[in-house]
Amino acid sequence: MANLKDIKSRITSVNNTKKITKAMKMVAAAKVKKAENTVKAARPFSDELLHIFRKLAGVVDEYTTSGLKVERGLDNYSTLLSKREVKTEGILVITSNKGLAGAYNANIIRTTLKRIKENEQNGIKSILYPVGQKAISGFKQKKGNFELKEGYISIINEPTATGANIIPEDIAEDYVSGKIDKIEIITTHFNNMMSYNIVSWEILPVKIEKAEKHELDSVMEYEPSPHRILQQLVPMYITNSIYQALLEANASELASRMTAMSAASSNAEEMINKLEIDYNKARQWAITQELVEIVSGASAI
């Protein structure tokens, strides 16, 4: 039978842990509603931006930057829209900075490792662009045919459109220079408070699915020119795709943390109940033992 002092100490310890998990659940619950509203509000804009992009791309027969000012990789829209043989794939992996979110980060890292293995079997090298401390620390401990680039940590805490600009600038430079021939995002798609899906979005080269032609297309005019508009629209499209992925990941991570902390609090409550039963049994056994010793001593006298 366990010692009464040890059982009481364990009850206190589990109770303290329960207070922490309950507080973390409340914090996550307070943030996840805001994150849910943000991600759902951003989806219509992303869909409409994609529609406009396809509409404009459908009227341009040849992509060129001739006569356009190109100062950075994102300005070279014709190269970003071109496809070439894939020898190196860049993978933007979005995780969180903190743990205690259930299997959220582990699932994303596992999916990414599977993707790296598939690339290796096809003779394709992988370059990882990690977002979140968990991706950085997780892949530093792994071995495989991949290169780990410098990560992005602060941006995942509270994703903003301005903060997301640095990522597309980096990957566009590497794509235009030929360091990578393709890049995908491995992130999560937020469904609701209880579920999310791990998804993969290909963003470079940009996939163009021509929009259906409309009878008014023949009379539409673009100023200053379709090429200049595309030069502005392509960076906007890429940046918004990454920003949307960050929003989806942030909402999914908070929902996963809220669920995990809720389950941890429930488990702690069950453990406390079990320990209290054990404590009462041990206390009853100790009292019975003392009574037996008193009766035995009295009989001996």
C-alpha atoms as a PDB file:
ATOM      1  CA  MET A   1       0.000   0.000   0.000  1.00  0.00           C
ATOM      2  CA  ALA A   2       1.392   3.409  -1.007  1.00  0.00           C
ATOM      3  CA  ASN A   3       2.414   5.891   1.644  1.00  0.00           C
ATOM      4  CA  LEU A   4      -0.270   8.482   2.552  1.00  0.00           C
ATOM      5  CA  LYS A   5       2.223  11.325   2.219  1.00  0.00           C
ATOM      6  CA  ASP A   6       3.284  10.193  -1.270  1.00  0.00           C
ATOM      7  CA  ILE A   7      -0.309   9.925  -2.496  1.00  0.00           C
ATOM      8  CA  LYS A   8      -1.170  13.357  -1.103  1.00  0.00           C
ATOM      9  CA  SER A   9       1.904  14.816  -2.785  1.00  0.00           C
ATOM     10  CA  ARG A  10       0.862  13.305  -6.127  1.00  0.00           C
ATOM     11  CA  ILE A  11      -2.668  14.693  -5.744  1.00  0.00           C
ATOM     12  CA  THR A  12      -1.233  18.179  -5.156  1.00  0.00           C
ATOM     13  CA  SER A  13       1.098  17.846  -8.137  1.00  0.00           C
ATOM     14  CA  VAL A  14      -1.643  16.680 -10.535  1.00  0.00           C
ATOM     15  CA  ASN A  15      -3.987  19.387  -9.249  1.00  0.00           C
ATOM     16  CA  ASN A  16      -1.363  22.060 -10.014  1.00  0.00           C
ATOM     17  CA  THR A  17      -0.918  20.621 -13.504  1.00  0.00           C
ATOM     18  CA  LYS A  18      -4.674  20.705 -13.996  1.00  0.00           C
ATOM     19  CA  LYS A  19      -4.734  24.408 -13.140  1.00  0.00           C
ATOM     20  CA  ILE A  20      -2.070  25.070 -15.797  1.00  0.00           C
ATOM     21  CA  THR A  21      -3.799  23.049 -18.541  1.00  0.00           C
ATOM     22  CA  LYS A  22      -7.139  24.636 -17.733  1.00  0.00           C
ATOM     23  CA  ALA A  23      -5.626  28.122 -17.946  1.00  0.00           C
ATOM     24  CA  MET A  24      -3.966  27.263 -21.281  1.00  0.00           C
ATOM     25  CA  LYS A  25      -7.273  25.944 -22.594  1.00  0.00           C
ATOM     26  CA  MET A  26      -8.994  29.212 -21.676  1.00  0.00           C
ATOM     27  CA  VAL A  27      -6.273  31.288 -23.343  1.00  0.00           C
ATOM     28  CA  ALA A  28      -6.438  29.203 -26.525  1.00  0.00           C
ATOM     29  CA  ALA A  29     -10.244  29.359 -26.539  1.00  0.00           C
ATOM     30  CA  ALA A  30     -10.117  33.157 -26.263  1.00  0.00           C
ATOM     31  CA  LYS A  31      -7.682  33.432 -29.199  1.00  0.00           C
ATOM     32  CA  VAL A  32      -9.101  30.765 -31.491  1.00  0.00           C
ATOM     33  CA  LYS A  33     -12.412  32.548 -32.051  1.00  0.00           C
ATOM     34  CA  LYS A  34     -10.608  35.657 -33.264  1.00  0.00           C
ATOM     35  CA  ALA A  35      -8.331  33.512 -35.457  1.00  0.00           C
ATOM     36  CA  GLU A  36     -11.353  31.680 -36.880  1.00  0.00           C
ATOM     37  CA  ASN A  37     -13.084  34.953 -37.792  1.00  0.00           C
ATOM     38  CA  THR A  38      -9.891  36.268 -39.407  1.00  0.00           C
ATOM     39  CA  VAL A  39      -9.249  33.197 -41.543  1.00  0.00           C
ATOM     40  CA  LYS A  40     -12.865  32.969 -42.706  1.00  0.00           C
ATOM     41  CA  ALA A  41     -12.930  36.681 -43.545  1.00  0.00           C
ATOM     42  CA  ALA A  42      -9.730  36.326 -45.619  1.00  0.00           C
ATOM     43  CA  ARG A  43     -10.940  33.402 -47.748  1.00  0.00           C
ATOM     44  CA  PRO A  44     -13.334  35.383 -50.022  1.00  0.00           C
ATOM     45  CA  PHE A  45     -10.549  37.853 -50.861  1.00  0.00           C
ATOM     46  CA  SER A  46      -8.167  35.007 -51.726  1.00  0.00           C
ATOM     47  CA  ASP A  47     -10.782  33.372 -53.949  1.00  0.00           C
ATOM     48  CA  GLU A  48     -11.578  36.617 -55.751  1.00  0.00           C
ATOM     49  CA  LEU A  49      -7.886  37.435 -56.205  1.00  0.00           C
ATOM     50  CA  LEU A  50      -7.376  34.021 -57.800  1.00  0.00           C
ATOM     51  CA  HIS A  51     -10.354  34.639 -60.098  1.00  0.00           C
ATOM     52  CA  ILE A  52      -8.983  38.023 -61.243  1.00  0.00           C
ATOM     53  CA  PHE A  53      -5.521  36.540 -61.709  1.00  0.00           C
ATOM     54  CA  ARG A  54      -6.828  33.756 -63.960  1.00  0.00           C
ATOM     55  CA  LYS A  55      -8.996  36.207 -65.865  1.00  0.00           C
ATOM     56  CA  LEU A  56      -6.076  38.473 -66.675  1.00  0.00           C
ATOM     57  CA  ALA A  57      -3.666  35.609 -67.387  1.00  0.00           C
ATOM     58  CA  GLY A  58      -6.164  34.311 -69.920  1.00  0.00           C
ATOM     59  CA  VAL A  59      -5.774  37.361 -72.172  1.00  0.00           C
ATOM     60  CA  VAL A  60      -1.949  37.319 -72.220  1.00  0.00           C
ATOM     61  CA  ASP A  61      -0.490  34.959 -74.809  1.00  0.00           C
ATOM     62  CA  GLU A  62       3.178  35.445 -73.932  1.00  0.00           C
ATOM     63  CA  TYR A  63       4.618  36.428 -70.569  1.00  0.00           C
ATOM     64  CA  THR A  64       7.505  38.884 -70.759  1.00  0.00           C
ATOM     65  CA  THR A  65       9.157  41.566 -68.657  1.00  0.00           C
ATOM     66  CA  SER A  66      10.408  43.499 -71.682  1.00  0.00           C
ATOM     67  CA  GLY A  67      10.059  47.200 -70.970  1.00  0.00           C
ATOM     68  CA  LEU A  68       9.238  46.570 -67.291  1.00  0.00           C
ATOM     69  CA  LYS A  69      11.355  47.587 -64.318  1.00  0.00           C
ATOM     70  CA  VAL A  70      12.660  44.484 -62.525  1.00  0.00           C
ATOM     71  CA  GLU A  71      14.424  45.170 -59.201  1.00  0.00           C
ATOM     72  CA  ARG A  72      13.696  41.970 -57.260  1.00  0.00           C
ATOM     73  CA  GLY A  73      12.707  38.372 -57.817  1.00  0.00           C
ATOM     74  CA  LEU A  74       9.018  39.059 -57.292  1.00  0.00           C
ATOM     75  CA  ASP A  75       9.056  41.612 -60.134  1.00  0.00           C
ATOM     76  CA  ASN A  76      10.176  38.967 -62.635  1.00  0.00           C
ATOM     77  CA  TYR A  77       6.669  37.650 -63.126  1.00  0.00           C
ATOM     78  CA  SER A  78       7.407  35.884 -66.432  1.00  0.00           C
ATOM     79  CA  THR A  79       9.988  33.619 -64.752  1.00  0.00           C
ATOM     80  CA  LEU A  80       7.661  32.962 -61.821  1.00  0.00           C
ATOM     81  CA  LEU A  81       4.986  31.773 -64.238  1.00  0.00           C
ATOM     82  CA  SER A  82       7.364  29.583 -66.256  1.00  0.00           C
ATOM     83  CA  LYS A  83       7.809  25.880 -65.649  1.00  0.00           C
ATOM     84  CA  ARG A  84      11.062  23.940 -65.877  1.00  0.00           C
ATOM     85  CA  GLU A  85      12.441  20.533 -65.022  1.00  0.00           C
ATOM     86  CA  VAL A  86      12.262  20.009 -61.268  1.00  0.00           C
ATOM     87  CA  LYS A  87      15.656  19.130 -59.809  1.00  0.00           C
ATOM     88  CA  THR A  88      15.246  20.929 -56.473  1.00  0.00           C
ATOM     89  CA  GLU A  89      11.984  21.526 -54.655  1.00  0.00           C
ATOM     90  CA  GLY A  90      11.543  24.126 -51.959  1.00  0.00           C
ATOM     91  CA  ILE A  91       9.113  23.271 -49.176  1.00  0.00           C
ATOM     92  CA  LEU A  92       7.667  25.969 -46.926  1.00  0.00           C
ATOM     93  CA  VAL A  93       6.779  24.124 -43.701  1.00  0.00           C
ATOM     94  CA  ILE A  94       4.469  25.978 -41.315  1.00  0.00           C
ATOM     95  CA  THR A  95       4.406  24.898 -37.669  1.00  0.00           C
ATOM     96  CA  SER A  96       4.003  26.707 -34.337  1.00  0.00           C
ATOM     97  CA  ASN A  97       6.545  28.182 -31.938  1.00  0.00           C
ATOM     98  CA  LYS A  98       5.153  26.338 -28.918  1.00  0.00           C
ATOM     99  CA  GLY A  99       4.275  22.768 -28.091  1.00  0.00           C
ATOM    100  CA  LEU A 100       1.410  21.356 -26.023  1.00  0.00           C
ATOM    101  CA  ALA A 101      -0.848  21.381 -29.086  1.00  0.00           C
ATOM    102  CA  GLY A 102      -1.446  17.665 -29.342  1.00  0.00           C
ATOM    103  CA  ALA A 103      -0.049  16.017 -32.473  1.00  0.00           C
ATOM    104  CA  TYR A 104      -0.286  19.230 -34.519  1.00  0.00           C
ATOM    105  CA  ASN A 105       3.431  19.851 -35.100  1.00  0.00           C
ATOM    106  CA  ALA A 106       4.361  16.157 -35.221  1.00  0.00           C
ATOM    107  CA  ASN A 107       1.839  15.499 -38.001  1.00  0.00           C
ATOM    108  CA  ILE A 108       3.166  18.359 -40.138  1.00  0.00           C
ATOM    109  CA  ILE A 109       6.784  17.275 -39.679  1.00  0.00           C
ATOM    110  CA  ARG A 110       5.862  13.658 -40.456  1.00  0.00           C
ATOM    111  CA  THR A 111       4.077  14.725 -43.658  1.00  0.00           C
ATOM    112  CA  THR A 112       7.078  16.819 -44.698  1.00  0.00           C
ATOM    113  CA  LEU A 113       9.514  13.945 -44.111  1.00  0.00           C
ATOM    114  CA  LYS A 114       7.301  11.747 -46.273  1.00  0.00           C
ATOM    115  CA  ARG A 115       7.444  14.377 -49.010  1.00  0.00           C
ATOM    116  CA  ILE A 116      11.243  14.577 -48.724  1.00  0.00           C
ATOM    117  CA  LYS A 117      11.483  10.793 -49.074  1.00  0.00           C
ATOM    118  CA  GLU A 118       9.274  10.860 -52.192  1.00  0.00           C
ATOM    119  CA  ASN A 119      11.483  13.555 -53.707  1.00  0.00           C
ATOM    120  CA  GLU A 120      14.603  11.549 -52.896  1.00  0.00           C
ATOM    121  CA  GLN A 121      13.174   8.489 -54.655  1.00  0.00           C
ATOM    122  CA  ASN A 122      12.527  10.647 -57.731  1.00  0.00           C
ATOM    123  CA  GLY A 123      16.029  12.134 -57.657  1.00  0.00           C
ATOM    124  CA  ILE A 124      14.824  15.532 -56.445  1.00  0.00           C
ATOM    125  CA  LYS A 125      16.629  17.480 -53.730  1.00  0.00           C
ATOM    126  CA  SER A 126      14.542  19.252 -51.069  1.00  0.00           C
ATOM    127  CA  ILE A 127      15.210  22.670 -49.530  1.00  0.00           C
ATOM    128  CA  LEU A 128      13.146  23.464 -46.442  1.00  0.00           C
ATOM    129  CA  TYR A 129      11.963  26.940 -45.473  1.00  0.00           C
ATOM    130  CA  PRO A 130      10.759  26.389 -41.893  1.00  0.00           C
ATOM    131  CA  VAL A 131       8.174  28.639 -40.264  1.00  0.00           C
ATOM    132  CA  GLY A 132       7.900  28.262 -36.482  1.00  0.00           C
ATOM    133  CA  GLN A 133      10.375  27.130 -33.852  1.00  0.00           C
ATOM    134  CA  LYS A 134       9.041  23.571 -33.866  1.00  0.00           C
ATOM    135  CA  ALA A 135       9.904  23.134 -37.548  1.00  0.00           C
ATOM    136  CA  ILE A 136      13.416  24.506 -37.028  1.00  0.00           C
ATOM    137  CA  SER A 137      14.219  22.360 -33.998  1.00  0.00           C
ATOM    138  CA  GLY A 138      12.414  19.333 -35.431  1.00  0.00           C
ATOM    139  CA  PHE A 139      14.330  19.188 -38.714  1.00  0.00           C
ATOM    140  CA  LYS A 140      17.687  19.973 -37.114  1.00  0.00           C
ATOM    141  CA  GLN A 141      17.390  16.598 -35.394  1.00  0.00           C
ATOM    142  CA  LYS A 142      16.460  14.751 -38.595  1.00  0.00           C
ATOM    143  CA  LYS A 143      18.729  13.359 -41.278  1.00  0.00           C
ATOM    144  CA  GLY A 144      17.911  13.113 -44.951  1.00  0.00           C
ATOM    145  CA  ASN A 145      18.475  14.501 -48.422  1.00  0.00           C
ATOM    146  CA  PHE A 146      17.389  18.057 -47.614  1.00  0.00           C
ATOM    147  CA  GLU A 147      18.842  21.471 -46.870  1.00  0.00           C
ATOM    148  CA  LEU A 148      17.437  23.529 -44.003  1.00  0.00           C
ATOM    149  CA  LYS A 149      17.246  27.266 -44.650  1.00  0.00           C
ATOM    150  CA  GLU A 150      17.081  29.970 -41.992  1.00  0.00           C
ATOM    151  CA  GLY A 151      13.645  29.894 -40.394  1.00  0.00           C
ATOM    152  CA  TYR A 152      10.910  32.427 -39.723  1.00  0.00           C
ATOM    153  CA  ILE A 153       9.887  32.494 -36.069  1.00  0.00           C
ATOM    154  CA  SER A 154       8.099  35.680 -35.034  1.00  0.00           C
ATOM    155  CA  ILE A 155       5.721  35.814 -37.999  1.00  0.00           C
ATOM    156  CA  ILE A 156       3.642  32.818 -36.895  1.00  0.00           C
ATOM    157  CA  ASN A 157       2.677  34.315 -33.522  1.00  0.00           C
ATOM    158  CA  GLU A 158       0.298  36.880 -35.010  1.00  0.00           C
ATOM    159  CA  PRO A 159       0.295  36.598 -38.815  1.00  0.00           C
ATOM    160  CA  THR A 160      -0.048  39.895 -40.692  1.00  0.00           C
ATOM    161  CA  ALA A 161       0.011  40.700 -44.395  1.00  0.00           C
ATOM    162  CA  THR A 162       3.002  43.000 -43.867  1.00  0.00           C
ATOM    163  CA  GLY A 163       4.931  40.431 -41.859  1.00  0.00           C
ATOM    164  CA  ALA A 164       4.308  37.761 -44.497  1.00  0.00           C
ATOM    165  CA  ASN A 165       6.077  39.790 -47.217  1.00  0.00           C
ATOM    166  CA  ILE A 166       9.581  38.597 -46.337  1.00  0.00           C
ATOM    167  CA  ILE A 167       8.849  34.943 -47.136  1.00  0.00           C
ATOM    168  CA  PRO A 168       7.749  35.359 -50.794  1.00  0.00           C
ATOM    169  CA  GLU A 169      10.671  37.720 -51.409  1.00  0.00           C
ATOM    170  CA  ASP A 170      13.142  35.042 -50.264  1.00  0.00           C
ATOM    171  CA  ILE A 171      11.600  32.145 -52.175  1.00  0.00           C
ATOM    172  CA  ALA A 172      11.077  34.238 -55.332  1.00  0.00           C
ATOM    173  CA  GLU A 173      14.774  35.181 -55.338  1.00  0.00           C
ATOM    174  CA  ASP A 174      15.757  31.518 -55.043  1.00  0.00           C
ATOM    175  CA  TYR A 175      13.297  30.524 -57.780  1.00  0.00           C
ATOM    176  CA  VAL A 176      14.404  33.190 -60.235  1.00  0.00           C
ATOM    177  CA  SER A 177      18.110  32.455 -59.557  1.00  0.00           C
ATOM    178  CA  GLY A 178      17.496  28.736 -60.232  1.00  0.00           C
ATOM    179  CA  LYS A 179      18.240  27.445 -56.718  1.00  0.00           C
ATOM    180  CA  ILE A 180      14.803  25.871 -56.653  1.00  0.00           C
ATOM    181  CA  ASP A 181      12.555  24.776 -59.504  1.00  0.00           C
ATOM    182  CA  LYS A 182       9.322  24.426 -57.542  1.00  0.00           C
ATOM    183  CA  ILE A 183       7.976  25.335 -54.120  1.00  0.00           C
ATOM    184  CA  GLU A 184       5.078  24.017 -52.094  1.00  0.00           C
ATOM    185  CA  ILE A 185       3.557  24.963 -48.758  1.00  0.00           C
ATOM    186  CA  ILE A 186       2.846  22.221 -46.237  1.00  0.00           C
ATOM    187  CA  THR A 187       0.367  23.630 -43.750  1.00  0.00           C
ATOM    188  CA  THR A 188      -3.071  22.940 -42.303  1.00  0.00           C
ATOM    189  CA  HIS A 189      -6.539  23.897 -43.460  1.00  0.00           C
ATOM    190  CA  PHE A 190      -8.809  25.022 -40.636  1.00  0.00           C
ATOM    191  CA  ASN A 191     -12.199  23.267 -40.696  1.00  0.00           C
ATOM    192  CA  ASN A 192     -13.686  24.051 -37.303  1.00  0.00           C
ATOM    193  CA  MET A 193     -12.816  24.100 -33.615  1.00  0.00           C
ATOM    194  CA  MET A 194     -12.439  20.322 -33.574  1.00  0.00           C
ATOM    195  CA  SER A 195     -10.686  19.471 -36.833  1.00  0.00           C
ATOM    196  CA  TYR A 196      -8.131  20.521 -39.429  1.00  0.00           C
ATOM    197  CA  ASN A 197      -6.484  18.899 -42.450  1.00  0.00           C
ATOM    198  CA  ILE A 198      -2.832  18.863 -43.476  1.00  0.00           C
ATOM    199  CA  VAL A 199      -2.659  20.231 -47.009  1.00  0.00           C
ATOM    200  CA  SER A 200      -0.012  20.967 -49.625  1.00  0.00           C
ATOM    201  CA  TRP A 201      -0.245  24.073 -51.840  1.00  0.00           C
ATOM    202  CA  GLU A 202       1.958  24.490 -54.891  1.00  0.00           C
ATOM    203  CA  ILE A 203       2.720  28.182 -55.322  1.00  0.00           C
ATOM    204  CA  LEU A 204       5.745  28.271 -57.652  1.00  0.00           C
ATOM    205  CA  PRO A 205       5.590  27.938 -60.563  1.00  0.00           C
ATOM    206  CA  VAL A 206       2.177  29.538 -60.350  1.00  0.00           C
ATOM    207  CA  LYS A 207      -0.505  27.244 -61.736  1.00  0.00           C
ATOM    208  CA  ILE A 208      -2.689  29.062 -64.217  1.00  0.00           C
ATOM    209  CA  GLU A 209      -6.042  27.550 -65.026  1.00  0.00           C
ATOM    210  CA  LYS A 210      -7.491  29.716 -67.744  1.00  0.00           C
ATOM    211  CA  ALA A 211     -10.828  31.220 -66.795  1.00  0.00           C
ATOM    212  CA  GLU A 212     -13.733  30.693 -69.163  1.00  0.00           C
ATOM    213  CA  LYS A 213     -13.991  33.454 -71.730  1.00  0.00           C
ATOM    214  CA  HIS A 214     -16.857  35.875 -71.441  1.00  0.00           C
ATOM    215  CA  GLU A 215     -18.540  37.829 -74.249  1.00  0.00           C
ATOM    216  CA  LEU A 216     -17.311  41.095 -72.683  1.00  0.00           C
ATOM    217  CA  ASP A 217     -13.649  40.009 -72.706  1.00  0.00           C
ATOM    218  CA  SER A 218     -13.175  41.210 -76.274  1.00  0.00           C
ATOM    219  CA  VAL A 219     -14.082  44.793 -75.367  1.00  0.00           C
ATOM    220  CA  MET A 220     -12.146  44.965 -72.084  1.00  0.00           C
ATOM    221  CA  GLU A 221      -9.040  47.155 -72.005  1.00  0.00           C
ATOM    222  CA  TYR A 222      -6.230  47.038 -69.441  1.00  0.00           C
ATOM    223  CA  GLU A 223      -4.256  50.112 -68.435  1.00  0.00           C
ATOM    224  CA  PRO A 224      -1.357  50.652 -68.446  1.00  0.00           C
ATOM    225  CA  SER A 225      -0.961  47.130 -69.959  1.00  0.00           C
ATOM    226  CA  PRO A 226      -1.748  43.497 -69.043  1.00  0.00           C
ATOM    227  CA  HIS A 227       1.965  42.850 -68.479  1.00  0.00           C
ATOM    228  CA  ARG A 228       2.346  45.700 -65.996  1.00  0.00           C
ATOM    229  CA  ILE A 229      -0.784  44.618 -64.153  1.00  0.00           C
ATOM    230  CA  LEU A 230       0.448  41.019 -64.023  1.00  0.00           C
ATOM    231  CA  GLN A 231       3.780  42.223 -62.660  1.00  0.00           C
ATOM    232  CA  GLN A 232       1.870  43.708 -59.722  1.00  0.00           C
ATOM    233  CA  LEU A 233      -0.704  40.935 -59.465  1.00  0.00           C
ATOM    234  CA  VAL A 234       1.664  37.934 -59.365  1.00  0.00           C
ATOM    235  CA  PRO A 235       3.534  39.114 -56.217  1.00  0.00           C
ATOM    236  CA  MET A 236       0.200  39.967 -54.620  1.00  0.00           C
ATOM    237  CA  TYR A 237      -1.138  36.511 -55.434  1.00  0.00           C
ATOM    238  CA  ILE A 238       1.960  34.702 -54.062  1.00  0.00           C
ATOM    239  CA  THR A 239       2.103  36.852 -50.922  1.00  0.00           C
ATOM    240  CA  ASN A 240      -1.595  36.425 -50.244  1.00  0.00           C
ATOM    241  CA  SER A 241      -1.327  32.636 -50.705  1.00  0.00           C
ATOM    242  CA  ILE A 242       1.397  32.490 -48.041  1.00  0.00           C
ATOM    243  CA  TYR A 243      -0.512  34.874 -45.764  1.00  0.00           C
ATOM    244  CA  GLN A 244      -3.645  32.729 -46.106  1.00  0.00           C
ATOM    245  CA  ALA A 245      -1.595  29.628 -45.256  1.00  0.00           C
ATOM    246  CA  LEU A 246      -0.276  31.353 -42.121  1.00  0.00           C
ATOM    247  CA  LEU A 247      -3.805  32.294 -41.039  1.00  0.00           C
ATOM    248  CA  GLU A 248      -5.055  28.750 -41.599  1.00  0.00           C
ATOM    249  CA  ALA A 249      -2.116  27.341 -39.622  1.00  0.00           C
ATOM    250  CA  ASN A 250      -2.579  29.790 -36.743  1.00  0.00           C
ATOM    251  CA  ALA A 251      -6.277  28.951 -36.348  1.00  0.00           C
ATOM    252  CA  SER A 252      -5.615  25.204 -36.626  1.00  0.00           C
ATOM    253  CA  GLU A 253      -2.834  25.329 -34.031  1.00  0.00           C
ATOM    254  CA  LEU A 254      -4.955  27.235 -31.503  1.00  0.00           C
ATOM    255  CA  ALA A 255      -7.883  24.852 -32.008  1.00  0.00           C
ATOM    256  CA  SER A 256      -5.552  21.874 -31.589  1.00  0.00           C
ATOM    257  CA  ARG A 257      -4.065  23.360 -28.410  1.00  0.00           C
ATOM    258  CA  MET A 258      -7.522  24.063 -26.977  1.00  0.00           C
ATOM    259  CA  THR A 259      -8.582  20.458 -27.656  1.00  0.00           C
ATOM    260  CA  ALA A 260      -5.348  19.028 -26.242  1.00  0.00           C
ATOM    261  CA  MET A 261      -5.534  21.113 -23.064  1.00  0.00           C
ATOM    262  CA  SER A 262      -9.203  20.199 -22.610  1.00  0.00           C
ATOM    263  CA  ALA A 263      -8.295  16.504 -22.827  1.00  0.00           C
ATOM    264  CA  ALA A 264      -5.354  17.020 -20.452  1.00  0.00           C
ATOM    265  CA  SER A 265      -7.614  18.741 -17.906  1.00  0.00           C
ATOM    266  CA  SER A 266     -10.130  15.891 -18.098  1.00  0.00           C
ATOM    267  CA  ASN A 267      -7.370  13.306 -17.664  1.00  0.00           C
ATOM    268  CA  ALA A 268      -6.010  15.202 -14.675  1.00  0.00           C
ATOM    269  CA  GLU A 269      -9.478  15.237 -13.096  1.00  0.00           C
ATOM    270  CA  GLU A 270      -9.803  11.468 -13.578  1.00  0.00           C
ATOM    271  CA  MET A 271      -6.335  10.909 -12.125  1.00  0.00           C
ATOM    272  CA  ILE A 272      -7.155  13.050  -9.085  1.00  0.00           C
ATOM    273  CA  ASN A 273     -10.341  11.049  -8.464  1.00  0.00           C
ATOM    274  CA  LYS A 274      -8.414   7.785  -8.676  1.00  0.00           C
ATOM    275  CA  LEU A 275      -5.676   9.059  -6.358  1.00  0.00           C
ATOM    276  CA  GLU A 276      -8.255  10.254  -3.834  1.00  0.00           C
ATOM    277  CA  ILE A 277      -9.779   6.761  -3.796  1.00  0.00           C
ATOM    278  CA  ASP A 278      -6.312   5.281  -3.270  1.00  0.00           C
ATOM    279  CA  TYR A 279      -5.683   7.837  -0.528  1.00  0.00           C
ATOM    280  CA  ASN A 280      -8.909   6.931   1.285  1.00  0.00           C
ATOM    281  CA  LYS A 281      -8.113   3.209   0.995  1.00  0.00           C
ATOM    282  CA  ALA A 282      -4.610   3.761   2.356  1.00  0.00           C
ATOM    283  CA  ARG A 283      -5.965   5.900   5.191  1.00  0.00           C
ATOM    284  CA  GLN A 284      -8.598   3.267   6.042  1.00  0.00           C
ATOM    285  CA  TRP A 285      -5.934   0.557   5.973  1.00  0.00           C
ATOM    286  CA  ALA A 286      -3.707   2.600   8.314  1.00  0.00           C
ATOM    287  CA  ILE A 287      -6.590   3.137  10.778  1.00  0.00           C
ATOM    288  CA  THR A 288      -7.510  -0.550  10.676  1.00  0.00           C
ATOM    289  CA  GLN A 289      -3.886  -1.488  11.281  1.00  0.00           C
ATOM    290  CA  GLU A 290      -3.721   0.783  14.336  1.00  0.00           C
ATOM    291  CA  LEU A 291      -6.933  -0.689  15.743  1.00  0.00           C
ATOM    292  CA  VAL A 292      -5.587  -4.219  15.280  1.00  0.00           C
ATOM    293  CA  GLU A 293      -2.396  -3.279  17.110  1.00  0.00           C
ATOM    294  CA  ILE A 294      -4.370  -1.714  19.992  1.00  0.00           C
ATOM    295  CA  VAL A 295      -6.660  -4.750  20.330  1.00  0.00           C
ATOM    296  CA  SER A 296      -3.694  -7.114  20.133  1.00  0.00           C
ATOM    297  CA  GLY A 297      -1.866  -5.156  22.835  1.00  0.00           C
ATOM    298  CA  ALA A 298      -4.915  -5.111  25.099  1.00  0.00           C
ATOM    299  CA  SER A 299      -5.373  -8.880  24.682  1.00  0.00           C
ATOM    300  CA  ALA A 300      -1.754  -9.502  25.552  1.00  0.00           C
ATOM    301  CA  ILE A 301      -2.131  -7.508  28.797  1.00  0.00           C
END
